[in-house]
Each structure stands twice: as C-alpha cells, then as structure tokens.
Protein backbone atom coordinates (compact mmCIF):
# COMPACT_ATOMS: atom_id res chain seq x y z
CA UNK A 1 -19.13 -5.73 -17.80
CA UNK A 2 -19.65 -3.20 -14.99
CA UNK A 3 -18.27 -5.46 -12.22
CA UNK A 4 -15.07 -5.99 -14.20
CA UNK A 5 -14.67 -2.25 -14.68
CA UNK A 6 -15.34 -1.62 -11.00
CA UNK A 7 -12.80 -4.25 -9.92
CA UNK A 8 -10.20 -2.82 -12.30
CA UNK A 9 -10.86 0.67 -10.97
CA UNK A 10 -10.42 -0.50 -7.39
CA UNK A 11 -7.12 -2.18 -8.24
CA UNK A 12 -6.00 0.85 -10.24
CA UNK A 13 -6.49 2.93 -7.11
CA UNK A 14 -3.89 0.83 -5.27
CA UNK A 15 -1.07 2.36 -7.30
CA UNK A 16 -0.78 5.35 -4.92
CA UNK A 17 -0.28 2.80 -2.12
CA UNK A 18 2.78 1.39 -3.85
CA UNK A 19 4.11 4.86 -4.57
CA UNK A 20 3.55 5.94 -0.97
CA UNK A 21 5.23 2.83 0.39
CA UNK A 22 8.26 3.34 -1.84
CA UNK A 23 8.40 7.00 -0.83
CA UNK A 24 8.36 6.06 2.87
CA UNK A 25 11.13 3.51 2.45
CA UNK A 26 13.31 5.88 0.43
CA UNK A 27 13.02 8.65 3.00
CA UNK A 28 13.61 6.27 5.91
CA UNK A 29 16.76 4.97 4.23
CA UNK A 30 17.84 8.53 3.53
CA UNK A 31 17.36 9.39 7.20
CA UNK A 32 19.31 6.28 8.25
CA UNK A 33 22.21 7.20 6.00
CA UNK A 34 22.31 10.78 7.31
CA UNK A 35 21.87 9.87 10.97
CA UNK A 36 22.94 6.25 11.66
CA UNK A 37 22.22 6.39 15.40
CA UNK A 38 18.49 6.84 14.63
CA UNK A 39 18.42 3.49 12.79
CA UNK A 40 16.18 1.73 15.32
CA UNK A 41 13.52 4.42 15.53
CA UNK A 42 13.46 5.01 11.78
CA UNK A 43 13.26 1.30 11.00
CA UNK A 44 10.41 0.76 13.44
CA UNK A 45 8.48 3.73 12.08
CA UNK A 46 9.12 2.62 8.50
CA UNK A 47 7.90 -0.92 9.13
CA UNK A 48 4.78 0.33 10.93
CA UNK A 49 4.02 2.79 8.13
CA UNK A 50 4.58 0.20 5.41
CA UNK A 51 2.28 -2.25 7.16
CA UNK A 52 -0.50 0.35 7.35
CA UNK A 53 -0.04 1.25 3.68
CA UNK A 54 -0.01 -2.40 2.68
CA UNK A 55 -3.20 -3.02 4.66
CA UNK A 56 -5.10 -0.55 2.51
CA UNK A 57 -3.83 -2.31 -0.62
CA UNK A 58 -4.98 -5.68 0.74
CA UNK A 59 -8.41 -4.22 1.54
CA UNK A 60 -8.62 -2.95 -2.04
CA UNK A 61 -7.80 -6.42 -3.32
CA UNK A 62 -10.50 -7.87 -1.07
CA UNK A 63 -13.06 -5.38 -2.39
CA UNK A 64 -12.11 -6.22 -5.99
CA UNK A 65 -12.50 -9.96 -5.32
CA UNK A 66 -15.85 -9.40 -3.63
CA UNK A 67 -17.05 -7.30 -6.58
CA UNK A 68 -16.01 -9.96 -9.07
CA UNK A 69 -17.42 -12.98 -7.32
CA UNK A 70 -20.54 -11.68 -5.58
CA UNK A 71 -22.09 -9.40 -8.18
CA UNK A 72 -24.29 -11.27 -10.65
CA UNK A 73 -23.57 -9.87 -14.09
C-alpha cells in the first residue's frame, strides 16, 4: 500500500509544474500581444522555460514508475 501512496504523492506534486507552465505561456503571450516586435525572443524563452518545466514533470513520472515497479510490497 505504501508504494502506491508514494507514487500518487509524487504524481500529485507535478500539478505545480502544469500550473507554472500555463503561467509562463500566458505571460509570454501577453508580452507578445503588448510588444509584437519581441515575438522571437519571447517565443524562444517560453519554449526553453516550458521544456525545463516539462522535464521535471517527466522525472516525477519516472520516479513514480520506479516506485511502483521496483519496490516489493
């Protein structure tokens, strides 16, 4: 039972990643709409930031899978 709870807790902790990614995209789009000539720099920064945020979510998924399949319960 403990490995299932631990895996669920790890996946529950990925919710701030999704919120942070959405927040970054919203503010990048807001900046693009206010200052269209900065489109290239804002888009590049947004994509880089989203990839870093998504990487932490993928690592969390990997940890949850490892907890579920390697811990003998």
